[in-house]
Amino acid sequence: MEPPEQLSQVQLTARNLRGVAHPLRVRMLTVLRTEGPATATTLARRLNQNTGATSYHLRQLAEYGFIVEAPSRGGRRERWWQAAHVNTVVPDDSVLAGDDGLGIAYLQALGRVWSDAMTTAIDATTSLSPEWRDAQDFGDYVLTLTPAEAEELSAEIHRLLRRRNSAPEPAGSPLPEGAARVAFQFQLFPTGADRHVSHPTESECER
């Protein structure tokens, strides 16, 4: 059985959002994208879950097109699954503002998964080699930006990351000597009371 071709991105819609707006499904999809094909059993062991839970959530991810069946390994009858896409495009405003609340639920799931990943990395810091302890970085910046400037900054960061990731290694493939897969997280959002800042229109300014 030939492995299915992995597409680059999946665009979230009001329909397929139902299949991924859950923290465990986001975690499972992340593992499949970064570590390669897995079964319900290996995912349960990897994520400290029971196989009933991982089996159910794998079926949901498959139903909505986020994962596909992978070639079986080692002659075992258990089904292997792999990610159908390299990454996910965050839903647009119309999907996020849907009455069903799934857009916000998906972003909340992402937030939990990203927070857990950073906590895990912090806990593992003392076990890193000196080179990786020096390379690892945690930081934040507080900037004063207009919405247009914030959008421009995000686009610039995405362009830089795409250049670094122009030819990503397939999930589960051997890494070059001394290399590791790294997570680069960034979030950009208004803080505190500034979340509700509104700007006067031209007609209001003329009054």
N, C-alpha and C. Protein backbone atom coordinates (compact mmCIF):
# COMPACT_ATOMS: atom_id res chain seq x y z
N MET A 1 0.85 -1.20 0.00
CA MET A 1 0.00 0.00 0.00
C MET A 1 0.87 1.24 0.00
N GLU A 2 0.71 2.11 -0.98
CA GLU A 2 1.49 3.34 -1.06
C GLU A 2 0.96 4.37 -0.06
N PRO A 3 1.87 5.09 0.64
CA PRO A 3 1.39 6.12 1.56
C PRO A 3 0.69 7.24 0.82
N PRO A 4 -0.44 7.72 1.34
CA PRO A 4 -1.16 8.82 0.69
C PRO A 4 -0.31 10.08 0.65
N GLU A 5 -0.48 10.88 -0.39
CA GLU A 5 0.25 12.13 -0.49
C GLU A 5 -0.23 13.11 0.57
N GLN A 6 0.71 13.76 1.25
CA GLN A 6 0.36 14.72 2.28
C GLN A 6 0.29 16.12 1.69
N LEU A 7 -0.88 16.76 1.81
CA LEU A 7 -1.06 18.11 1.29
C LEU A 7 -0.46 19.13 2.26
N SER A 8 -0.24 20.33 1.78
CA SER A 8 0.48 21.32 2.60
C SER A 8 -0.39 21.92 3.69
N GLN A 9 -1.63 22.28 3.39
CA GLN A 9 -2.46 22.98 4.36
C GLN A 9 -3.91 22.53 4.28
N VAL A 10 -4.61 22.69 5.39
CA VAL A 10 -6.06 22.51 5.40
C VAL A 10 -6.68 23.80 5.91
N GLN A 11 -7.68 24.28 5.18
CA GLN A 11 -8.40 25.49 5.57
C GLN A 11 -9.60 25.09 6.43
N LEU A 12 -9.70 25.66 7.60
CA LEU A 12 -10.82 25.34 8.48
C LEU A 12 -12.09 26.03 8.00
N THR A 13 -13.17 25.27 8.02
CA THR A 13 -14.49 25.77 7.62
C THR A 13 -15.48 25.49 8.75
N ALA A 14 -16.68 26.00 8.59
CA ALA A 14 -17.70 25.77 9.61
C ALA A 14 -17.97 24.27 9.78
N ARG A 15 -17.78 23.49 8.70
CA ARG A 15 -18.04 22.05 8.80
C ARG A 15 -16.89 21.29 9.43
N ASN A 16 -15.67 21.41 8.85
CA ASN A 16 -14.59 20.56 9.35
C ASN A 16 -14.06 20.98 10.72
N LEU A 17 -14.42 22.20 11.15
CA LEU A 17 -14.03 22.65 12.47
C LEU A 17 -14.57 21.72 13.56
N ARG A 18 -15.70 21.11 13.28
CA ARG A 18 -16.30 20.18 14.24
C ARG A 18 -15.39 19.00 14.52
N GLY A 19 -14.54 18.68 13.56
CA GLY A 19 -13.69 17.50 13.71
C GLY A 19 -12.41 17.74 14.49
N VAL A 20 -12.07 19.00 14.78
CA VAL A 20 -10.77 19.26 15.39
C VAL A 20 -10.84 20.19 16.61
N ALA A 21 -12.03 20.75 16.90
CA ALA A 21 -12.15 21.71 18.01
C ALA A 21 -12.22 20.99 19.35
N HIS A 22 -11.12 20.30 19.68
CA HIS A 22 -11.05 19.53 20.93
C HIS A 22 -9.56 19.40 21.30
N PRO A 23 -9.17 19.66 22.55
CA PRO A 23 -7.74 19.63 22.90
C PRO A 23 -7.04 18.32 22.58
N LEU A 24 -7.68 17.18 22.86
CA LEU A 24 -7.02 15.90 22.59
C LEU A 24 -6.83 15.68 21.09
N ARG A 25 -7.79 16.10 20.28
CA ARG A 25 -7.64 15.93 18.83
C ARG A 25 -6.51 16.82 18.30
N VAL A 26 -6.40 18.03 18.84
CA VAL A 26 -5.29 18.90 18.44
C VAL A 26 -3.96 18.25 18.82
N ARG A 27 -3.87 17.68 20.02
CA ARG A 27 -2.63 17.01 20.44
C ARG A 27 -2.31 15.82 19.54
N MET A 28 -3.31 15.01 19.25
CA MET A 28 -3.09 13.84 18.42
C MET A 28 -2.65 14.24 17.02
N LEU A 29 -3.29 15.24 16.46
CA LEU A 29 -2.93 15.70 15.12
C LEU A 29 -1.51 16.25 15.11
N THR A 30 -1.13 16.96 16.16
CA THR A 30 0.23 17.48 16.27
C THR A 30 1.25 16.35 16.29
N VAL A 31 0.98 15.31 17.06
CA VAL A 31 1.89 14.17 17.13
C VAL A 31 2.01 13.50 15.76
N LEU A 32 0.90 13.30 15.08
CA LEU A 32 0.95 12.66 13.76
C LEU A 32 1.73 13.51 12.76
N ARG A 33 1.61 14.83 12.87
CA ARG A 33 2.32 15.70 11.94
C ARG A 33 3.81 15.77 12.23
N THR A 34 4.20 15.69 13.48
CA THR A 34 5.61 15.88 13.83
C THR A 34 6.37 14.57 14.02
N GLU A 35 5.68 13.51 14.43
CA GLU A 35 6.37 12.25 14.75
C GLU A 35 6.06 11.13 13.78
N GLY A 36 5.09 11.35 12.89
CA GLY A 36 4.80 10.33 11.89
C GLY A 36 3.62 9.45 12.26
N PRO A 37 3.33 8.45 11.42
CA PRO A 37 2.15 7.59 11.60
C PRO A 37 2.12 6.91 12.96
N ALA A 38 0.91 6.65 13.44
CA ALA A 38 0.73 6.01 14.74
C ALA A 38 -0.60 5.27 14.75
N THR A 39 -0.76 4.43 15.75
CA THR A 39 -2.02 3.71 15.97
C THR A 39 -2.71 4.29 17.20
N ALA A 40 -3.94 3.85 17.44
CA ALA A 40 -4.64 4.28 18.64
C ALA A 40 -3.86 3.89 19.89
N THR A 41 -3.23 2.73 19.85
CA THR A 41 -2.47 2.25 21.01
C THR A 41 -1.22 3.10 21.25
N THR A 42 -0.45 3.39 20.19
CA THR A 42 0.77 4.18 20.37
C THR A 42 0.44 5.61 20.77
N LEU A 43 -0.65 6.16 20.25
CA LEU A 43 -1.06 7.51 20.65
C LEU A 43 -1.53 7.53 22.10
N ALA A 44 -2.25 6.49 22.52
CA ALA A 44 -2.70 6.40 23.91
C ALA A 44 -1.50 6.39 24.86
N ARG A 45 -0.48 5.61 24.49
CA ARG A 45 0.73 5.55 25.31
C ARG A 45 1.47 6.88 25.30
N ARG A 46 1.56 7.49 24.13
CA ARG A 46 2.29 8.74 23.98
C ARG A 46 1.62 9.89 24.74
N LEU A 47 0.28 9.91 24.78
CA LEU A 47 -0.47 11.03 25.36
C LEU A 47 -1.12 10.70 26.70
N ASN A 48 -0.77 9.52 27.24
CA ASN A 48 -1.29 9.10 28.55
C ASN A 48 -2.82 9.06 28.56
N GLN A 49 -3.38 8.42 27.52
CA GLN A 49 -4.82 8.26 27.38
C GLN A 49 -5.15 6.78 27.28
N ASN A 50 -6.43 6.44 27.32
CA ASN A 50 -6.81 5.05 27.06
C ASN A 50 -7.11 4.88 25.57
N THR A 51 -7.01 3.67 25.10
CA THR A 51 -7.16 3.42 23.66
C THR A 51 -8.59 3.68 23.17
N GLY A 52 -9.56 3.56 24.07
CA GLY A 52 -10.93 3.87 23.67
C GLY A 52 -11.07 5.33 23.27
N ALA A 53 -10.42 6.21 24.05
CA ALA A 53 -10.49 7.64 23.75
C ALA A 53 -9.75 7.96 22.46
N THR A 54 -8.54 7.42 22.29
CA THR A 54 -7.78 7.75 21.08
C THR A 54 -8.44 7.16 19.84
N SER A 55 -9.03 5.97 19.96
CA SER A 55 -9.72 5.36 18.81
C SER A 55 -10.89 6.24 18.38
N TYR A 56 -11.67 6.71 19.34
CA TYR A 56 -12.83 7.55 19.01
C TYR A 56 -12.38 8.84 18.33
N HIS A 57 -11.39 9.51 18.90
CA HIS A 57 -10.97 10.79 18.34
C HIS A 57 -10.26 10.62 17.00
N LEU A 58 -9.57 9.50 16.79
CA LEU A 58 -9.00 9.23 15.46
C LEU A 58 -10.10 9.10 14.42
N ARG A 59 -11.19 8.43 14.77
CA ARG A 59 -12.30 8.29 13.82
C ARG A 59 -12.89 9.65 13.47
N GLN A 60 -13.00 10.53 14.45
CA GLN A 60 -13.53 11.86 14.18
C GLN A 60 -12.58 12.66 13.29
N LEU A 61 -11.29 12.60 13.56
CA LEU A 61 -10.32 13.30 12.71
C LEU A 61 -10.35 12.77 11.29
N ALA A 62 -10.52 11.46 11.15
CA ALA A 62 -10.58 10.86 9.81
C ALA A 62 -11.87 11.26 9.09
N GLU A 63 -12.98 11.27 9.81
CA GLU A 63 -14.27 11.61 9.19
C GLU A 63 -14.23 13.02 8.58
N TYR A 64 -13.51 13.93 9.23
CA TYR A 64 -13.48 15.31 8.74
C TYR A 64 -12.24 15.61 7.90
N GLY A 65 -11.48 14.57 7.55
CA GLY A 65 -10.42 14.72 6.56
C GLY A 65 -9.07 15.19 7.08
N PHE A 66 -8.86 15.19 8.41
CA PHE A 66 -7.58 15.66 8.95
C PHE A 66 -6.51 14.57 8.94
N ILE A 67 -6.92 13.32 8.96
CA ILE A 67 -5.98 12.22 8.91
C ILE A 67 -6.47 11.19 7.89
N VAL A 68 -5.54 10.35 7.44
CA VAL A 68 -5.87 9.27 6.51
C VAL A 68 -5.18 8.00 6.98
N GLU A 69 -5.70 6.88 6.51
CA GLU A 69 -5.09 5.61 6.90
C GLU A 69 -3.71 5.48 6.25
N ALA A 70 -2.75 4.99 7.03
CA ALA A 70 -1.37 4.82 6.56
C ALA A 70 -1.09 3.33 6.35
N PRO A 71 -0.02 3.03 5.60
CA PRO A 71 0.33 1.62 5.41
C PRO A 71 0.57 0.95 6.76
N SER A 72 0.08 -0.30 6.88
CA SER A 72 0.27 -1.03 8.12
C SER A 72 1.73 -1.41 8.30
N ARG A 73 2.17 -1.56 9.55
CA ARG A 73 3.58 -1.86 9.85
C ARG A 73 3.68 -3.12 10.68
N GLY A 74 4.68 -3.91 10.38
CA GLY A 74 4.98 -5.07 11.21
C GLY A 74 3.96 -6.18 11.16
N GLY A 75 3.05 -6.14 10.19
CA GLY A 75 2.08 -7.23 10.05
C GLY A 75 0.96 -7.21 11.07
N ARG A 76 0.92 -6.21 11.94
CA ARG A 76 -0.15 -6.15 12.93
C ARG A 76 -1.44 -5.65 12.28
N ARG A 77 -2.56 -6.08 12.85
CA ARG A 77 -3.84 -5.76 12.24
C ARG A 77 -4.36 -4.39 12.67
N GLU A 78 -3.78 -3.80 13.68
CA GLU A 78 -4.25 -2.49 14.14
C GLU A 78 -4.03 -1.44 13.06
N ARG A 79 -4.97 -0.52 12.92
CA ARG A 79 -4.90 0.50 11.86
C ARG A 79 -3.88 1.58 12.22
N TRP A 80 -3.11 1.97 11.20
CA TRP A 80 -2.17 3.06 11.33
C TRP A 80 -2.74 4.30 10.67
N TRP A 81 -2.46 5.46 11.26
CA TRP A 81 -2.99 6.72 10.74
C TRP A 81 -1.87 7.73 10.56
N GLN A 82 -2.05 8.60 9.58
CA GLN A 82 -1.10 9.68 9.40
C GLN A 82 -1.85 10.98 9.07
N ALA A 83 -1.18 12.10 9.33
CA ALA A 83 -1.79 13.40 9.05
C ALA A 83 -1.99 13.57 7.56
N ALA A 84 -3.10 14.20 7.18
CA ALA A 84 -3.37 14.45 5.76
C ALA A 84 -2.77 15.76 5.28
N HIS A 85 -2.35 16.63 6.22
CA HIS A 85 -1.81 17.93 5.86
C HIS A 85 -0.63 18.28 6.76
N VAL A 86 0.20 19.20 6.29
CA VAL A 86 1.35 19.64 7.07
C VAL A 86 0.92 20.59 8.18
N ASN A 87 -0.01 21.49 7.90
CA ASN A 87 -0.48 22.41 8.93
C ASN A 87 -1.91 22.86 8.65
N THR A 88 -2.43 23.64 9.59
CA THR A 88 -3.82 24.10 9.55
C THR A 88 -3.86 25.62 9.47
N VAL A 89 -4.72 26.14 8.61
CA VAL A 89 -4.93 27.57 8.52
C VAL A 89 -6.04 27.97 9.49
N VAL A 90 -5.74 28.91 10.38
CA VAL A 90 -6.72 29.36 11.38
C VAL A 90 -7.96 29.89 10.67
N PRO A 91 -9.15 29.58 11.17
CA PRO A 91 -10.38 30.01 10.48
C PRO A 91 -10.51 31.52 10.39
N ASP A 92 -11.24 31.98 9.36
CA ASP A 92 -11.43 33.42 9.20
C ASP A 92 -12.49 33.93 10.18
N ASP A 93 -12.71 35.24 10.14
CA ASP A 93 -13.60 35.88 11.12
C ASP A 93 -15.02 35.31 11.09
N SER A 94 -15.53 35.01 9.91
CA SER A 94 -16.91 34.53 9.82
C SER A 94 -17.06 33.18 10.51
N VAL A 95 -16.03 32.34 10.44
CA VAL A 95 -16.08 31.04 11.11
C VAL A 95 -15.87 31.21 12.62
N LEU A 96 -14.93 32.07 13.00
CA LEU A 96 -14.67 32.28 14.43
C LEU A 96 -15.89 32.85 15.15
N ALA A 97 -16.66 33.67 14.43
CA ALA A 97 -17.81 34.33 15.05
C ALA A 97 -19.09 33.50 14.96
N GLY A 98 -18.98 32.26 14.53
CA GLY A 98 -20.17 31.42 14.37
C GLY A 98 -20.91 31.23 15.68
N ASP A 99 -22.24 31.10 15.58
CA ASP A 99 -23.07 30.95 16.77
C ASP A 99 -22.79 29.66 17.54
N ASP A 100 -22.22 28.66 16.88
CA ASP A 100 -21.98 27.39 17.55
C ASP A 100 -20.78 27.44 18.50
N GLY A 101 -19.97 28.49 18.43
CA GLY A 101 -18.84 28.64 19.35
C GLY A 101 -17.65 27.75 19.04
N LEU A 102 -17.68 27.02 17.92
CA LEU A 102 -16.61 26.08 17.63
C LEU A 102 -15.30 26.78 17.29
N GLY A 103 -15.38 27.97 16.66
CA GLY A 103 -14.16 28.69 16.33
C GLY A 103 -13.38 29.06 17.58
N ILE A 104 -14.05 29.60 18.58
CA ILE A 104 -13.39 29.94 19.83
C ILE A 104 -12.94 28.68 20.56
N ALA A 105 -13.74 27.62 20.52
CA ALA A 105 -13.36 26.36 21.16
C ALA A 105 -12.06 25.82 20.56
N TYR A 106 -11.92 25.97 19.24
CA TYR A 106 -10.69 25.52 18.58
C TYR A 106 -9.50 26.34 19.04
N LEU A 107 -9.63 27.66 19.10
CA LEU A 107 -8.53 28.50 19.57
C LEU A 107 -8.19 28.21 21.03
N GLN A 108 -9.19 27.92 21.85
CA GLN A 108 -8.93 27.56 23.24
C GLN A 108 -8.17 26.23 23.32
N ALA A 109 -8.53 25.30 22.44
CA ALA A 109 -7.81 24.03 22.40
C ALA A 109 -6.35 24.25 22.01
N LEU A 110 -6.11 25.11 21.01
CA LEU A 110 -4.74 25.42 20.62
C LEU A 110 -3.98 26.03 21.80
N GLY A 111 -4.62 26.97 22.50
CA GLY A 111 -3.96 27.61 23.62
C GLY A 111 -3.54 26.61 24.69
N ARG A 112 -4.40 25.66 24.99
CA ARG A 112 -4.07 24.65 26.00
C ARG A 112 -2.91 23.78 25.54
N VAL A 113 -2.96 23.37 24.28
CA VAL A 113 -1.90 22.50 23.76
C VAL A 113 -0.57 23.24 23.73
N TRP A 114 -0.56 24.49 23.26
CA TRP A 114 0.68 25.26 23.22
C TRP A 114 1.22 25.53 24.61
N SER A 115 0.33 25.83 25.56
CA SER A 115 0.76 26.06 26.94
C SER A 115 1.37 24.80 27.53
N ASP A 116 0.72 23.65 27.30
CA ASP A 116 1.26 22.38 27.80
C ASP A 116 2.62 22.07 27.19
N ALA A 117 2.77 22.38 25.89
CA ALA A 117 4.05 22.11 25.22
C ALA A 117 5.16 22.95 25.83
N MET A 118 4.89 24.21 26.15
CA MET A 118 5.91 25.06 26.73
C MET A 118 6.26 24.60 28.15
N THR A 119 5.24 24.21 28.92
CA THR A 119 5.50 23.70 30.27
C THR A 119 6.36 22.45 30.22
N THR A 120 6.06 21.56 29.29
CA THR A 120 6.85 20.34 29.13
C THR A 120 8.30 20.67 28.77
N ALA A 121 8.48 21.65 27.88
CA ALA A 121 9.83 22.06 27.49
C ALA A 121 10.59 22.64 28.67
N ILE A 122 9.92 23.44 29.48
CA ILE A 122 10.57 24.02 30.66
C ILE A 122 11.00 22.92 31.62
N ASP A 123 10.11 21.95 31.85
CA ASP A 123 10.43 20.84 32.76
C ASP A 123 11.62 20.03 32.26
N ALA A 124 11.80 19.98 30.93
CA ALA A 124 12.88 19.17 30.36
C ALA A 124 14.19 19.93 30.20
N THR A 125 14.20 21.20 30.58
CA THR A 125 15.38 22.05 30.32
C THR A 125 16.66 21.47 30.92
N THR A 126 16.60 20.97 32.15
CA THR A 126 17.82 20.48 32.80
C THR A 126 18.38 19.24 32.13
N SER A 127 17.55 18.53 31.34
CA SER A 127 18.04 17.32 30.67
C SER A 127 18.62 17.61 29.29
N LEU A 128 18.57 18.86 28.84
CA LEU A 128 19.09 19.21 27.52
C LEU A 128 20.61 19.27 27.53
N SER A 129 21.19 19.11 26.36
CA SER A 129 22.63 19.31 26.22
C SER A 129 22.93 20.79 26.40
N PRO A 130 24.17 21.15 26.75
CA PRO A 130 24.51 22.58 26.89
C PRO A 130 24.20 23.37 25.63
N GLU A 131 24.42 22.77 24.46
CA GLU A 131 24.16 23.48 23.21
C GLU A 131 22.68 23.82 23.06
N TRP A 132 21.80 22.86 23.39
CA TRP A 132 20.37 23.11 23.26
C TRP A 132 19.85 24.00 24.38
N ARG A 133 20.47 23.96 25.55
CA ARG A 133 20.06 24.91 26.60
C ARG A 133 20.37 26.33 26.16
N ASP A 134 21.49 26.53 25.47
CA ASP A 134 21.82 27.86 24.97
C ASP A 134 20.89 28.28 23.83
N ALA A 135 20.49 27.31 23.01
CA ALA A 135 19.66 27.63 21.84
C ALA A 135 18.19 27.86 22.22
N GLN A 136 17.72 27.17 23.25
CA GLN A 136 16.33 27.32 23.66
C GLN A 136 16.07 28.74 24.14
N ASP A 137 14.88 29.26 23.84
CA ASP A 137 14.60 30.66 24.18
C ASP A 137 13.15 30.83 24.59
N PHE A 138 12.94 31.58 25.67
CA PHE A 138 11.60 31.97 26.08
C PHE A 138 11.61 33.48 26.26
N GLY A 139 10.67 34.16 25.67
CA GLY A 139 10.66 35.61 25.81
C GLY A 139 9.36 36.20 25.30
N ASP A 140 9.14 37.46 25.62
CA ASP A 140 7.99 38.16 25.08
C ASP A 140 8.33 39.65 24.93
N TYR A 141 7.59 40.32 24.08
CA TYR A 141 7.77 41.74 23.82
C TYR A 141 6.40 42.41 23.92
N VAL A 142 6.38 43.60 24.47
CA VAL A 142 5.17 44.41 24.46
C VAL A 142 5.41 45.59 23.53
N LEU A 143 4.64 45.68 22.45
CA LEU A 143 4.81 46.69 21.42
C LEU A 143 3.56 47.56 21.35
N THR A 144 3.71 48.73 20.78
CA THR A 144 2.57 49.59 20.50
C THR A 144 2.39 49.64 18.98
N LEU A 145 1.31 49.04 18.49
CA LEU A 145 1.11 48.88 17.05
C LEU A 145 -0.33 49.20 16.67
N THR A 146 -0.51 49.65 15.46
CA THR A 146 -1.85 49.72 14.89
C THR A 146 -2.22 48.34 14.36
N PRO A 147 -3.50 48.09 14.09
CA PRO A 147 -3.86 46.79 13.50
C PRO A 147 -3.09 46.49 12.22
N ALA A 148 -2.89 47.49 11.37
CA ALA A 148 -2.15 47.27 10.12
C ALA A 148 -0.70 46.91 10.40
N GLU A 149 -0.08 47.56 11.38
CA GLU A 149 1.31 47.26 11.72
C GLU A 149 1.43 45.87 12.33
N ALA A 150 0.44 45.51 13.16
CA ALA A 150 0.46 44.17 13.76
C ALA A 150 0.33 43.09 12.69
N GLU A 151 -0.55 43.32 11.72
CA GLU A 151 -0.72 42.36 10.63
C GLU A 151 0.56 42.25 9.80
N GLU A 152 1.21 43.38 9.56
CA GLU A 152 2.45 43.38 8.80
C GLU A 152 3.55 42.61 9.53
N LEU A 153 3.64 42.80 10.85
CA LEU A 153 4.64 42.09 11.64
C LEU A 153 4.41 40.58 11.60
N SER A 154 3.15 40.17 11.78
CA SER A 154 2.83 38.74 11.72
C SER A 154 3.21 38.15 10.37
N ALA A 155 2.89 38.88 9.29
CA ALA A 155 3.20 38.38 7.95
C ALA A 155 4.71 38.24 7.77
N GLU A 156 5.47 39.18 8.33
CA GLU A 156 6.93 39.13 8.21
C GLU A 156 7.49 37.90 8.94
N ILE A 157 6.97 37.63 10.12
CA ILE A 157 7.42 36.45 10.87
C ILE A 157 7.07 35.17 10.13
N HIS A 158 5.85 35.11 9.58
CA HIS A 158 5.45 33.92 8.82
C HIS A 158 6.35 33.73 7.59
N ARG A 159 6.70 34.81 6.92
CA ARG A 159 7.58 34.69 5.76
C ARG A 159 8.94 34.12 6.16
N LEU A 160 9.48 34.59 7.26
CA LEU A 160 10.77 34.09 7.74
C LEU A 160 10.69 32.60 8.07
N LEU A 161 9.62 32.20 8.76
CA LEU A 161 9.48 30.80 9.13
C LEU A 161 9.28 29.91 7.91
N ARG A 162 8.54 30.41 6.91
CA ARG A 162 8.36 29.62 5.68
C ARG A 162 9.67 29.43 4.95
N ARG A 163 10.54 30.44 4.96
CA ARG A 163 11.86 30.28 4.33
C ARG A 163 12.67 29.21 5.04
N ARG A 164 12.60 29.19 6.36
CA ARG A 164 13.31 28.18 7.14
C ARG A 164 12.73 26.79 6.91
N ASN A 165 11.45 26.74 6.56
CA ASN A 165 10.74 25.48 6.43
C ASN A 165 10.35 25.22 4.98
N SER A 166 11.18 25.71 4.05
CA SER A 166 10.83 25.61 2.63
C SER A 166 10.78 24.17 2.14
N ALA A 167 11.55 23.30 2.77
CA ALA A 167 11.54 21.88 2.37
C ALA A 167 11.49 21.02 3.63
N PRO A 168 10.33 20.99 4.31
CA PRO A 168 10.24 20.25 5.57
C PRO A 168 10.46 18.76 5.38
N GLU A 169 11.14 18.15 6.36
CA GLU A 169 11.33 16.70 6.34
C GLU A 169 10.00 16.01 6.63
N PRO A 170 9.70 14.91 5.93
CA PRO A 170 8.47 14.18 6.24
C PRO A 170 8.45 13.74 7.70
N ALA A 171 7.25 13.74 8.29
CA ALA A 171 7.12 13.32 9.69
C ALA A 171 7.68 11.92 9.87
N GLY A 172 8.48 11.74 10.92
CA GLY A 172 9.05 10.43 11.22
C GLY A 172 10.34 10.12 10.50
N SER A 173 10.82 11.00 9.61
CA SER A 173 12.05 10.73 8.87
C SER A 173 13.27 11.01 9.74
N PRO A 174 14.42 10.37 9.45
CA PRO A 174 15.63 10.60 10.24
C PRO A 174 16.07 12.07 10.14
N LEU A 175 16.66 12.57 11.23
CA LEU A 175 17.11 13.95 11.27
C LEU A 175 18.61 14.03 11.02
N PRO A 176 19.08 15.15 10.49
CA PRO A 176 20.54 15.33 10.34
C PRO A 176 21.23 15.25 11.71
N GLU A 177 22.48 14.87 11.71
CA GLU A 177 23.21 14.74 12.97
C GLU A 177 23.22 16.06 13.73
N GLY A 178 22.86 15.99 15.02
CA GLY A 178 22.86 17.17 15.88
C GLY A 178 21.60 18.00 15.79
N ALA A 179 20.69 17.66 14.86
CA ALA A 179 19.46 18.46 14.67
C ALA A 179 18.32 17.89 15.51
N ALA A 180 17.33 18.73 15.77
CA ALA A 180 16.11 18.31 16.46
C ALA A 180 14.95 19.09 15.87
N ARG A 181 13.78 18.52 15.94
CA ARG A 181 12.59 19.28 15.57
C ARG A 181 12.28 20.26 16.69
N VAL A 182 12.09 21.51 16.35
CA VAL A 182 11.84 22.53 17.37
C VAL A 182 10.47 23.14 17.14
N ALA A 183 9.85 23.59 18.20
CA ALA A 183 8.57 24.30 18.12
C ALA A 183 8.84 25.79 18.27
N PHE A 184 8.34 26.56 17.31
CA PHE A 184 8.43 28.02 17.38
C PHE A 184 7.00 28.53 17.55
N GLN A 185 6.67 28.97 18.75
CA GLN A 185 5.33 29.47 19.02
C GLN A 185 5.35 30.99 19.04
N PHE A 186 4.34 31.62 18.45
CA PHE A 186 4.18 33.04 18.70
C PHE A 186 2.70 33.40 18.63
N GLN A 187 2.32 34.30 19.49
CA GLN A 187 0.96 34.82 19.52
C GLN A 187 1.05 36.34 19.56
N LEU A 188 0.18 37.00 18.85
CA LEU A 188 0.13 38.45 18.84
C LEU A 188 -1.30 38.88 19.10
N PHE A 189 -1.52 39.64 20.15
CA PHE A 189 -2.88 40.05 20.51
C PHE A 189 -2.83 41.32 21.36
N PRO A 190 -3.90 42.12 21.32
CA PRO A 190 -3.96 43.30 22.19
C PRO A 190 -4.05 42.87 23.65
N THR A 191 -3.47 43.65 24.54
CA THR A 191 -3.45 43.27 25.95
C THR A 191 -4.38 44.14 26.78
N GLY A 192 -4.86 43.58 27.90
CA GLY A 192 -5.63 44.32 28.87
C GLY A 192 -6.79 45.10 28.27
N ALA A 193 -6.93 46.35 28.74
CA ALA A 193 -8.04 47.20 28.29
C ALA A 193 -7.94 47.53 26.81
N ASP A 194 -6.73 47.42 26.24
CA ASP A 194 -6.55 47.75 24.82
C ASP A 194 -7.28 46.78 23.90
N ARG A 195 -7.76 45.66 24.44
CA ARG A 195 -8.53 44.73 23.60
C ARG A 195 -9.79 45.39 23.05
N HIS A 196 -10.27 46.38 23.75
CA HIS A 196 -11.56 46.99 23.38
C HIS A 196 -11.39 48.41 22.84
N VAL A 197 -10.17 48.75 22.43
CA VAL A 197 -9.92 50.08 21.88
C VAL A 197 -10.64 50.21 20.55
N SER A 198 -11.34 51.33 20.36
CA SER A 198 -11.94 51.63 19.06
C SER A 198 -11.44 52.99 18.63
N HIS A 199 -11.38 53.20 17.34
CA HIS A 199 -10.85 54.44 16.81
C HIS A 199 -11.97 55.22 16.12
N PRO A 200 -12.02 56.54 16.30
CA PRO A 200 -13.09 57.33 15.68
C PRO A 200 -12.99 57.30 14.17
N THR A 201 -14.13 57.35 13.53
CA THR A 201 -14.16 57.41 12.07
C THR A 201 -13.82 58.83 11.63
N GLU A 202 -13.61 59.02 10.32
CA GLU A 202 -13.28 60.34 9.81
C GLU A 202 -14.41 61.34 10.09
N SER A 203 -15.67 60.89 9.96
CA SER A 203 -16.79 61.81 10.19
C SER A 203 -16.85 62.23 11.64
N GLU A 204 -16.50 61.31 12.55
CA GLU A 204 -16.51 61.67 13.96
C GLU A 204 -15.40 62.66 14.29
N CYS A 205 -14.25 62.51 13.62
CA CYS A 205 -13.13 63.41 13.85
C CYS A 205 -13.45 64.83 13.37
N GLU A 206 -14.32 64.94 12.36
CA GLU A 206 -14.61 66.25 11.79
C GLU A 206 -15.62 67.03 12.62
N ARG A 207 -16.26 66.37 13.57
CA ARG A 207 -17.29 67.05 14.37
C ARG A 207 -16.63 67.99 15.40
